[in-house]
Amino acid sequence: MKFLVRSEQLAHLPWAVKNEMPDSLKNSIRNIPGNLNKDPAGLTVLGKAGLTALVKAADEEYNRHREIIREVYGDDFEPDN
């Protein structure tokens, strides 16, 4: 396999929470994935996905994605909610 070009690294696999969710559920969604690499069963899950860890990301880490979408679709692009 040859690489023709390499792009900048971008955050991927976003999981989001809604403000309307119970706090306990929001906290679980935010915290459990980041701790998988600290538990044998979690390491098994990560290994099956070909990963070694998951890390928490902030919304602003996806700003470059938004910029790319605007470059392709224009400033008036409105994603479906």
PDB file of N, CA and C in Angstrom:
ATOM      1  N   MET A   1       0.850  -1.169   0.000  1.00  0.00           N
ATOM      2  CA  MET A   1       0.000   0.000   0.000  1.00  0.00           C
ATOM      3  C   MET A   1       0.894   1.230   0.000  1.00  0.00           C
ATOM      4  N   LYS A   2       0.576   2.182  -0.843  1.00  0.00           N
ATOM      5  CA  LYS A   2       1.292   3.441  -0.886  1.00  0.00           C
ATOM      6  C   LYS A   2       0.356   4.571  -0.483  1.00  0.00           C
ATOM      7  N   PHE A   3       0.883   5.488   0.270  1.00  0.00           N
ATOM      8  CA  PHE A   3       0.124   6.688   0.610  1.00  0.00           C
ATOM      9  C   PHE A   3       0.312   7.690  -0.515  1.00  0.00           C
ATOM     10  N   LEU A   4      -0.769   8.169  -1.047  1.00  0.00           N
ATOM     11  CA  LEU A   4      -0.699   9.199  -2.070  1.00  0.00           C
ATOM     12  C   LEU A   4      -0.593  10.579  -1.444  1.00  0.00           C
ATOM     13  N   VAL A   5      -1.248  10.740  -0.320  1.00  0.00           N
ATOM     14  CA  VAL A   5      -1.209  12.004   0.403  1.00  0.00           C
ATOM     15  C   VAL A   5      -1.618  11.732   1.849  1.00  0.00           C
ATOM     16  N   ARG A   6      -1.123  12.508   2.750  1.00  0.00           N
ATOM     17  CA  ARG A   6      -1.533  12.428   4.151  1.00  0.00           C
ATOM     18  C   ARG A   6      -2.187  13.748   4.519  1.00  0.00           C
ATOM     19  N   SER A   7      -3.311  13.653   5.170  1.00  0.00           N
ATOM     20  CA  SER A   7      -4.000  14.868   5.600  1.00  0.00           C
ATOM     21  C   SER A   7      -3.657  15.138   7.058  1.00  0.00           C
ATOM     22  N   GLU A   8      -4.086  16.279   7.519  1.00  0.00           N
ATOM     23  CA  GLU A   8      -3.922  16.587   8.936  1.00  0.00           C
ATOM     24  C   GLU A   8      -4.728  15.590   9.760  1.00  0.00           C
ATOM     25  N   GLN A   9      -4.295  15.332  10.961  1.00  0.00           N
ATOM     26  CA  GLN A   9      -5.047  14.431  11.824  1.00  0.00           C
ATOM     27  C   GLN A   9      -6.251  15.169  12.380  1.00  0.00           C
ATOM     28  N   LEU A  10      -7.385  14.493  12.349  1.00  0.00           N
ATOM     29  CA  LEU A  10      -8.618  15.074  12.873  1.00  0.00           C
ATOM     30  C   LEU A  10      -9.215  14.139  13.912  1.00  0.00           C
ATOM     31  N   ALA A  11      -9.848  14.726  14.899  1.00  0.00           N
ATOM     32  CA  ALA A  11     -10.572  13.922  15.883  1.00  0.00           C
ATOM     33  C   ALA A  11     -11.675  13.147  15.164  1.00  0.00           C
ATOM     34  N   HIS A  12     -11.965  11.942  15.625  1.00  0.00           N
ATOM     35  CA  HIS A  12     -13.011  11.151  14.990  1.00  0.00           C
ATOM     36  C   HIS A  12     -13.827  10.418  16.042  1.00  0.00           C
ATOM     37  N   LEU A  13     -14.827   9.700  15.590  1.00  0.00           N
ATOM     38  CA  LEU A  13     -15.717   8.922  16.454  1.00  0.00           C
ATOM     39  C   LEU A  13     -16.341   9.736  17.583  1.00  0.00           C
ATOM     40  N   PRO A  14     -17.000  10.834  17.259  1.00  0.00           N
ATOM     41  CA  PRO A  14     -17.599  11.620  18.344  1.00  0.00           C
ATOM     42  C   PRO A  14     -18.830  10.944  18.936  1.00  0.00           C
ATOM     43  N   TRP A  15     -18.916  10.971  20.232  1.00  0.00           N
ATOM     44  CA  TRP A  15     -20.119  10.578  20.951  1.00  0.00           C
ATOM     45  C   TRP A  15     -20.567  11.814  21.699  1.00  0.00           C
ATOM     46  N   ALA A  16     -21.797  12.163  21.565  1.00  0.00           N
ATOM     47  CA  ALA A  16     -22.288  13.393  22.173  1.00  0.00           C
ATOM     48  C   ALA A  16     -23.384  13.089  23.175  1.00  0.00           C
ATOM     49  N   VAL A  17     -23.589  14.029  24.062  1.00  0.00           N
ATOM     50  CA  VAL A  17     -24.678  13.937  25.026  1.00  0.00           C
ATOM     51  C   VAL A  17     -25.569  15.157  24.856  1.00  0.00           C
ATOM     52  N   LYS A  18     -26.819  15.011  25.232  1.00  0.00           N
ATOM     53  CA  LYS A  18     -27.771  16.125  25.195  1.00  0.00           C
ATOM     54  C   LYS A  18     -27.958  16.663  26.601  1.00  0.00           C
ATOM     55  N   ASN A  19     -28.205  17.936  26.692  1.00  0.00           N
ATOM     56  CA  ASN A  19     -28.434  18.544  28.004  1.00  0.00           C
ATOM     57  C   ASN A  19     -29.605  17.903  28.732  1.00  0.00           C
ATOM     58  N   GLU A  20     -30.591  17.382  27.970  1.00  0.00           N
ATOM     59  CA  GLU A  20     -31.790  16.813  28.587  1.00  0.00           C
ATOM     60  C   GLU A  20     -31.543  15.440  29.219  1.00  0.00           C
ATOM     61  N   MET A  21     -30.399  14.827  28.957  1.00  0.00           N
ATOM     62  CA  MET A  21     -30.114  13.504  29.528  1.00  0.00           C
ATOM     63  C   MET A  21     -29.881  13.632  31.032  1.00  0.00           C
ATOM     64  N   PRO A  22     -30.223  12.576  31.773  1.00  0.00           N
ATOM     65  CA  PRO A  22     -29.899  12.585  33.207  1.00  0.00           C
ATOM     66  C   PRO A  22     -28.381  12.723  33.395  1.00  0.00           C
ATOM     67  N   ASP A  23     -27.977  13.460  34.429  1.00  0.00           N
ATOM     68  CA  ASP A  23     -26.550  13.687  34.674  1.00  0.00           C
ATOM     69  C   ASP A  23     -25.768  12.390  34.804  1.00  0.00           C
ATOM     70  N   SER A  24     -26.348  11.395  35.448  1.00  0.00           N
ATOM     71  CA  SER A  24     -25.625  10.129  35.630  1.00  0.00           C
ATOM     72  C   SER A  24     -25.328   9.466  34.286  1.00  0.00           C
ATOM     73  N   LEU A  25     -26.268   9.532  33.344  1.00  0.00           N
ATOM     74  CA  LEU A  25     -26.049   8.954  32.019  1.00  0.00           C
ATOM     75  C   LEU A  25     -24.999   9.756  31.252  1.00  0.00           C
ATOM     76  N   LYS A  26     -25.102  11.083  31.302  1.00  0.00           N
ATOM     77  CA  LYS A  26     -24.108  11.936  30.634  1.00  0.00           C
ATOM     78  C   LYS A  26     -22.702  11.639  31.160  1.00  0.00           C
ATOM     79  N   ASN A  27     -22.579  11.528  32.471  1.00  0.00           N
ATOM     80  CA  ASN A  27     -21.268  11.262  33.063  1.00  0.00           C
ATOM     81  C   ASN A  27     -20.728   9.899  32.649  1.00  0.00           C
ATOM     82  N   SER A  28     -21.600   8.906  32.564  1.00  0.00           N
ATOM     83  CA  SER A  28     -21.167   7.576  32.121  1.00  0.00           C
ATOM     84  C   SER A  28     -20.662   7.620  30.687  1.00  0.00           C
ATOM     85  N   ILE A  29     -21.414   8.282  29.820  1.00  0.00           N
ATOM     86  CA  ILE A  29     -21.018   8.378  28.414  1.00  0.00           C
ATOM     87  C   ILE A  29     -19.701   9.130  28.282  1.00  0.00           C
ATOM     88  N   ARG A  30     -19.486  10.110  29.115  1.00  0.00           N
ATOM     89  CA  ARG A  30     -18.251  10.899  29.062  1.00  0.00           C
ATOM     90  C   ARG A  30     -17.057  10.158  29.660  1.00  0.00           C
ATOM     91  N   ASN A  31     -17.275   9.377  30.697  1.00  0.00           N
ATOM     92  CA  ASN A  31     -16.153   8.830  31.458  1.00  0.00           C
ATOM     93  C   ASN A  31     -15.795   7.379  31.173  1.00  0.00           C
ATOM     94  N   ILE A  32     -16.766   6.535  30.932  1.00  0.00           N
ATOM     95  CA  ILE A  32     -16.473   5.108  30.766  1.00  0.00           C
ATOM     96  C   ILE A  32     -15.533   4.837  29.598  1.00  0.00           C
ATOM     97  N   PRO A  33     -15.767   5.408  28.411  1.00  0.00           N
ATOM     98  CA  PRO A  33     -14.856   5.086  27.301  1.00  0.00           C
ATOM     99  C   PRO A  33     -13.394   5.441  27.586  1.00  0.00           C
ATOM    100  N   GLY A  34     -13.161   6.525  28.298  1.00  0.00           N
ATOM    101  CA  GLY A  34     -11.793   6.943  28.596  1.00  0.00           C
ATOM    102  C   GLY A  34     -11.087   6.071  29.613  1.00  0.00           C
ATOM    103  N   ASN A  35     -11.834   5.224  30.295  1.00  0.00           N
ATOM    104  CA  ASN A  35     -11.240   4.341  31.295  1.00  0.00           C
ATOM    105  C   ASN A  35     -11.134   2.886  30.830  1.00  0.00           C
ATOM    106  N   LEU A  36     -11.530   2.609  29.607  1.00  0.00           N
ATOM    107  CA  LEU A  36     -11.482   1.230  29.121  1.00  0.00           C
ATOM    108  C   LEU A  36     -10.083   0.639  29.181  1.00  0.00           C
ATOM    109  N   ASN A  37      -9.064   1.454  28.945  1.00  0.00           N
ATOM    110  CA  ASN A  37      -7.696   0.933  28.926  1.00  0.00           C
ATOM    111  C   ASN A  37      -7.148   0.655  30.319  1.00  0.00           C
ATOM    112  N   LYS A  38      -7.943   0.888  31.339  1.00  0.00           N
ATOM    113  CA  LYS A  38      -7.521   0.629  32.720  1.00  0.00           C
ATOM    114  C   LYS A  38      -8.138  -0.640  33.280  1.00  0.00           C
ATOM    115  N   ASP A  39      -8.840  -1.382  32.447  1.00  0.00           N
ATOM    116  CA  ASP A  39      -9.576  -2.565  32.888  1.00  0.00           C
ATOM    117  C   ASP A  39      -9.335  -3.702  31.893  1.00  0.00           C
ATOM    118  N   PRO A  40      -9.075  -4.918  32.366  1.00  0.00           N
ATOM    119  CA  PRO A  40      -8.833  -6.034  31.437  1.00  0.00           C
ATOM    120  C   PRO A  40      -9.961  -6.247  30.430  1.00  0.00           C
ATOM    121  N   ALA A  41     -11.210  -6.183  30.878  1.00  0.00           N
ATOM    122  CA  ALA A  41     -12.332  -6.362  29.949  1.00  0.00           C
ATOM    123  C   ALA A  41     -12.376  -5.199  28.957  1.00  0.00           C
ATOM    124  N   GLY A  42     -12.072  -4.011  29.433  1.00  0.00           N
ATOM    125  CA  GLY A  42     -12.039  -2.851  28.557  1.00  0.00           C
ATOM    126  C   GLY A  42     -10.937  -2.962  27.515  1.00  0.00           C
ATOM    127  N   LEU A  43      -9.791  -3.480  27.914  1.00  0.00           N
ATOM    128  CA  LEU A  43      -8.700  -3.685  26.962  1.00  0.00           C
ATOM    129  C   LEU A  43      -9.091  -4.682  25.881  1.00  0.00           C
ATOM    130  N   THR A  44      -9.881  -5.673  26.249  1.00  0.00           N
ATOM    131  CA  THR A  44     -10.380  -6.634  25.262  1.00  0.00           C
ATOM    132  C   THR A  44     -11.275  -5.933  24.249  1.00  0.00           C
ATOM    133  N   VAL A  45     -12.172  -5.094  24.734  1.00  0.00           N
ATOM    134  CA  VAL A  45     -13.058  -4.337  23.847  1.00  0.00           C
ATOM    135  C   VAL A  45     -12.235  -3.465  22.909  1.00  0.00           C
ATOM    136  N   LEU A  46     -11.289  -2.731  23.460  1.00  0.00           N
ATOM    137  CA  LEU A  46     -10.447  -1.861  22.637  1.00  0.00           C
ATOM    138  C   LEU A  46      -9.659  -2.669  21.608  1.00  0.00           C
ATOM    139  N   GLY A  47      -9.110  -3.802  22.048  1.00  0.00           N
ATOM    140  CA  GLY A  47      -8.333  -4.648  21.144  1.00  0.00           C
ATOM    141  C   GLY A  47      -9.152  -5.144  19.970  1.00  0.00           C
ATOM    142  N   LYS A  48     -10.401  -5.506  20.218  1.00  0.00           N
ATOM    143  CA  LYS A  48     -11.266  -5.965  19.127  1.00  0.00           C
ATOM    144  C   LYS A  48     -11.552  -4.856  18.130  1.00  0.00           C
ATOM    145  N   ALA A  49     -11.459  -3.608  18.583  1.00  0.00           N
ATOM    146  CA  ALA A  49     -11.668  -2.467  17.696  1.00  0.00           C
ATOM    147  C   ALA A  49     -10.347  -1.985  17.092  1.00  0.00           C
ATOM    148  N   GLY A  50      -9.255  -2.642  17.449  1.00  0.00           N
ATOM    149  CA  GLY A  50      -7.950  -2.227  16.945  1.00  0.00           C
ATOM    150  C   GLY A  50      -7.456  -0.940  17.578  1.00  0.00           C
ATOM    151  N   LEU A  51      -7.885  -0.685  18.807  1.00  0.00           N
ATOM    152  CA  LEU A  51      -7.521   0.537  19.512  1.00  0.00           C
ATOM    153  C   LEU A  51      -6.771   0.216  20.793  1.00  0.00           C
ATOM    154  N   THR A  52      -6.075   1.200  21.320  1.00  0.00           N
ATOM    155  CA  THR A  52      -5.406   1.030  22.608  1.00  0.00           C
ATOM    156  C   THR A  52      -6.040   1.898  23.686  1.00  0.00           C
ATOM    157  N   ALA A  53      -6.771   2.938  23.283  1.00  0.00           N
ATOM    158  CA  ALA A  53      -7.426   3.835  24.243  1.00  0.00           C
ATOM    159  C   ALA A  53      -8.398   4.747  23.502  1.00  0.00           C
ATOM    160  N   LEU A  54      -9.296   5.319  24.255  1.00  0.00           N
ATOM    161  CA  LEU A  54     -10.175   6.385  23.781  1.00  0.00           C
ATOM    162  C   LEU A  54      -9.938   7.569  24.705  1.00  0.00           C
ATOM    163  N   VAL A  55      -9.944   8.765  24.149  1.00  0.00           N
ATOM    164  CA  VAL A  55      -9.724   9.956  24.971  1.00  0.00           C
ATOM    165  C   VAL A  55     -10.881  10.921  24.806  1.00  0.00           C
ATOM    166  N   LYS A  56     -11.119  11.699  25.847  1.00  0.00           N
ATOM    167  CA  LYS A  56     -12.199  12.684  25.835  1.00  0.00           C
ATOM    168  C   LYS A  56     -11.807  13.837  24.919  1.00  0.00           C
ATOM    169  N   ALA A  57     -12.734  14.269  24.116  1.00  0.00           N
ATOM    170  CA  ALA A  57     -12.506  15.396  23.220  1.00  0.00           C
ATOM    171  C   ALA A  57     -13.467  16.519  23.580  1.00  0.00           C
ATOM    172  N   ALA A  58     -13.065  17.720  23.266  1.00  0.00           N
ATOM    173  CA  ALA A  58     -13.922  18.888  23.465  1.00  0.00           C
ATOM    174  C   ALA A  58     -14.557  19.252  22.133  1.00  0.00           C
ATOM    175  N   ASP A  59     -15.715  19.876  22.198  1.00  0.00           N
ATOM    176  CA  ASP A  59     -16.444  20.231  20.982  1.00  0.00           C
ATOM    177  C   ASP A  59     -15.581  21.022  20.009  1.00  0.00           C
ATOM    178  N   GLU A  60     -14.757  21.919  20.521  1.00  0.00           N
ATOM    179  CA  GLU A  60     -13.945  22.746  19.622  1.00  0.00           C
ATOM    180  C   GLU A  60     -12.933  21.940  18.812  1.00  0.00           C
ATOM    181  N   GLU A  61     -12.650  20.721  19.224  1.00  0.00           N
ATOM    182  CA  GLU A  61     -11.747  19.875  18.445  1.00  0.00           C
ATOM    183  C   GLU A  61     -12.370  19.454  17.109  1.00  0.00           C
ATOM    184  N   TYR A  62     -13.659  19.686  16.949  1.00  0.00           N
ATOM    185  CA  TYR A  62     -14.347  19.346  15.707  1.00  0.00           C
ATOM    186  C   TYR A  62     -14.570  20.577  14.824  1.00  0.00           C
ATOM    187  N   ASN A  63     -13.985  21.717  15.208  1.00  0.00           N
ATOM    188  CA  ASN A  63     -14.135  22.924  14.398  1.00  0.00           C
ATOM    189  C   ASN A  63     -13.553  22.750  12.998  1.00  0.00           C
ATOM    190  N   ARG A  64     -12.433  22.038  12.876  1.00  0.00           N
ATOM    191  CA  ARG A  64     -11.853  21.820  11.546  1.00  0.00           C
ATOM    192  C   ARG A  64     -12.808  21.023  10.667  1.00  0.00           C
ATOM    193  N   HIS A  65     -13.526  20.074  11.237  1.00  0.00           N
ATOM    194  CA  HIS A  65     -14.539  19.341  10.476  1.00  0.00           C
ATOM    195  C   HIS A  65     -15.591  20.311   9.936  1.00  0.00           C
ATOM    196  N   ARG A  66     -16.031  21.215  10.801  1.00  0.00           N
ATOM    197  CA  ARG A  66     -17.035  22.203  10.395  1.00  0.00           C
ATOM    198  C   ARG A  66     -16.507  23.081   9.264  1.00  0.00           C
ATOM    199  N   GLU A  67     -15.241  23.465   9.362  1.00  0.00           N
ATOM    200  CA  GLU A  67     -14.629  24.285   8.306  1.00  0.00           C
ATOM    201  C   GLU A  67     -14.619  23.531   6.975  1.00  0.00           C
ATOM    202  N   ILE A  68     -14.247  22.274   7.017  1.00  0.00           N
ATOM    203  CA  ILE A  68     -14.205  21.464   5.792  1.00  0.00           C
ATOM    204  C   ILE A  68     -15.599  21.353   5.187  1.00  0.00           C
ATOM    205  N   ILE A  69     -16.599  21.116   6.027  1.00  0.00           N
ATOM    206  CA  ILE A  69     -17.979  21.007   5.540  1.00  0.00           C
ATOM    207  C   ILE A  69     -18.407  22.321   4.887  1.00  0.00           C
ATOM    208  N   ARG A  70     -18.057  23.456   5.516  1.00  0.00           N
ATOM    209  CA  ARG A  70     -18.396  24.756   4.925  1.00  0.00           C
ATOM    210  C   ARG A  70     -17.673  24.969   3.598  1.00  0.00           C
ATOM    211  N   GLU A  71     -16.401  24.519   3.518  1.00  0.00           N
ATOM    212  CA  GLU A  71     -15.648  24.652   2.267  1.00  0.00           C
ATOM    213  C   GLU A  71     -16.320  23.873   1.139  1.00  0.00           C
ATOM    214  N   VAL A  72     -16.888  22.735   1.472  1.00  0.00           N
ATOM    215  CA  VAL A  72     -17.519  21.884   0.459  1.00  0.00           C
ATOM    216  C   VAL A  72     -18.937  22.350   0.148  1.00  0.00           C
ATOM    217  N   TYR A  73     -19.720  22.627   1.183  1.00  0.00           N
ATOM    218  CA  TYR A  73     -21.146  22.917   1.004  1.00  0.00           C
ATOM    219  C   TYR A  73     -21.505  24.401   1.044  1.00  0.00           C
ATOM    220  N   GLY A  74     -20.602  25.258   1.480  1.00  0.00           N
ATOM    221  CA  GLY A  74     -20.894  26.679   1.563  1.00  0.00           C
ATOM    222  C   GLY A  74     -21.297  27.089   2.975  1.00  0.00           C
ATOM    223  N   ASP A  75     -21.328  28.392   3.188  1.00  0.00           N
ATOM    224  CA  ASP A  75     -21.612  28.942   4.517  1.00  0.00           C
ATOM    225  C   ASP A  75     -23.017  28.690   5.008  1.00  0.00           C
ATOM    226  N   ASP A  76     -23.942  28.441   4.085  1.00  0.00           N
ATOM    227  CA  ASP A  76     -25.334  28.288   4.515  1.00  0.00           C
ATOM    228  C   ASP A  76     -25.703  26.835   4.802  1.00  0.00           C
ATOM    229  N   PHE A  77     -24.723  25.939   4.871  1.00  0.00           N
ATOM    230  CA  PHE A  77     -25.002  24.542   5.150  1.00  0.00           C
ATOM    231  C   PHE A  77     -25.549  24.383   6.549  1.00  0.00           C
ATOM    232  N   GLU A  78     -26.662  23.686   6.661  1.00  0.00           N
ATOM    233  CA  GLU A  78     -27.278  23.400   7.961  1.00  0.00           C
ATOM    234  C   GLU A  78     -27.406  21.895   8.093  1.00  0.00           C
ATOM    235  N   PRO A  79     -26.640  21.278   8.997  1.00  0.00           N
ATOM    236  CA  PRO A  79     -26.762  19.830   9.181  1.00  0.00           C
ATOM    237  C   PRO A  79     -28.114  19.465   9.769  1.00  0.00           C
ATOM    238  N   ASP A  80     -28.578  18.268   9.453  1.00  0.00           N
ATOM    239  CA  ASP A  80     -29.831  17.776  10.037  1.00  0.00           C
ATOM    240  C   ASP A  80     -29.606  17.525  11.507  1.00  0.00           C
ATOM    241  N   ASN A  81     -30.579  17.862  12.318  1.00  0.00           N
ATOM    242  CA  ASN A  81     -30.483  17.615  13.752  1.00  0.00           C
ATOM    243  C   ASN A  81     -31.255  16.400  14.127  1.00  0.00           C
TER     244      ASN A  81
END
